[in-house]
Amino acid sequence: MPTEDWIRALEDGRLVKFTNQDLPGGGSFITAQIEKHEVVYSIMLDKVKNPLSRQEVEGRFKAELSKK
């Protein structure tokens, strides 16, 4: 189960750590955590095109990360 982690700076300067883990059977478990916050947003996806691109993962969290 390959896992990819990366950090992206949002336009407002906040840093977000993203994780994308491929699951058996064609699913993915993706997360986003804003720096210095205990909250981790997570989504489990069934039957997705693996591997998801970084842009696809980040797009799944766009609404949550746009909130301040």
Protein backbone atom coordinates (compact mmCIF):
# COMPACT_ATOMS: atom_id res chain seq x y z
CA MET A 1 0.00 0.00 0.00
CA PRO A 2 2.05 2.95 -1.23
CA THR A 3 1.66 6.19 0.69
CA GLU A 4 2.61 9.67 -0.49
CA ASP A 5 2.92 12.72 1.82
CA TRP A 6 3.58 16.34 0.82
CA ILE A 7 3.20 19.85 2.19
CA ARG A 8 1.59 22.72 0.29
CA ALA A 9 1.38 26.40 1.24
CA LEU A 10 -2.08 27.89 0.77
CA GLU A 11 -2.53 31.38 -0.67
CA ASP A 12 -2.97 32.79 2.84
CA GLY A 13 0.36 31.28 3.96
CA ARG A 14 -0.99 28.35 6.00
CA LEU A 15 0.80 25.05 5.47
CA VAL A 16 -1.17 21.86 4.86
CA LYS A 17 0.17 18.32 4.98
CA PHE A 18 -1.59 15.98 2.54
CA THR A 19 -1.44 12.19 2.56
CA ASN A 20 -2.60 9.75 -0.11
CA GLN A 21 -2.57 6.03 0.71
CA ASP A 22 -3.58 3.48 -1.92
CA LEU A 23 -5.81 0.74 -0.48
CA PRO A 24 -6.32 -2.83 -1.69
CA GLY A 25 -9.20 -3.19 -4.11
CA GLY A 26 -8.68 0.16 -5.85
CA GLY A 27 -9.52 2.56 -3.03
CA SER A 28 -7.62 5.45 -1.44
CA PHE A 29 -7.44 7.01 2.01
CA ILE A 30 -6.59 10.71 1.80
CA THR A 31 -6.00 13.28 4.54
CA ALA A 32 -5.28 16.98 4.98
CA GLN A 33 -4.00 18.63 8.16
CA ILE A 34 -3.44 22.35 8.59
CA GLU A 35 -0.20 23.20 10.40
CA LYS A 36 -0.61 23.56 14.19
CA HIS A 37 -4.19 22.19 14.14
CA GLU A 38 -5.28 18.95 15.76
CA VAL A 39 -8.07 18.45 13.23
CA VAL A 40 -7.29 16.08 10.38
CA TYR A 41 -9.72 15.99 7.47
CA SER A 42 -9.92 12.51 6.00
CA ILE A 43 -11.78 10.80 3.17
CA MET A 44 -11.91 7.13 2.23
CA LEU A 45 -12.63 6.62 -1.45
CA ASP A 46 -13.78 3.37 -3.05
CA LYS A 47 -12.83 2.43 -6.57
CA VAL A 48 -10.74 5.39 -7.70
CA LYS A 49 -8.11 5.75 -10.37
CA ASN A 50 -4.89 4.93 -8.54
CA PRO A 51 -2.74 6.66 -7.98
CA LEU A 52 -4.62 9.92 -7.53
CA SER A 53 -2.64 12.99 -8.56
CA ARG A 54 -1.69 15.55 -5.93
CA GLN A 55 -4.03 18.01 -7.60
CA GLU A 56 -6.95 15.55 -7.32
CA VAL A 57 -6.26 14.95 -3.62
CA GLU A 58 -5.94 18.66 -2.83
CA GLY A 59 -9.14 19.38 -4.77
CA ARG A 60 -11.12 17.02 -2.53
CA PHE A 61 -10.34 19.27 0.47
CA LYS A 62 -10.75 22.65 -1.24
CA ALA A 63 -13.96 23.62 0.59
CA GLU A 64 -12.66 22.69 4.05
CA LEU A 65 -9.33 24.44 3.54
CA SER A 66 -10.91 27.65 2.28
CA LYS A 67 -12.49 28.19 5.73
CA LYS A 68 -10.45 30.13 8.28
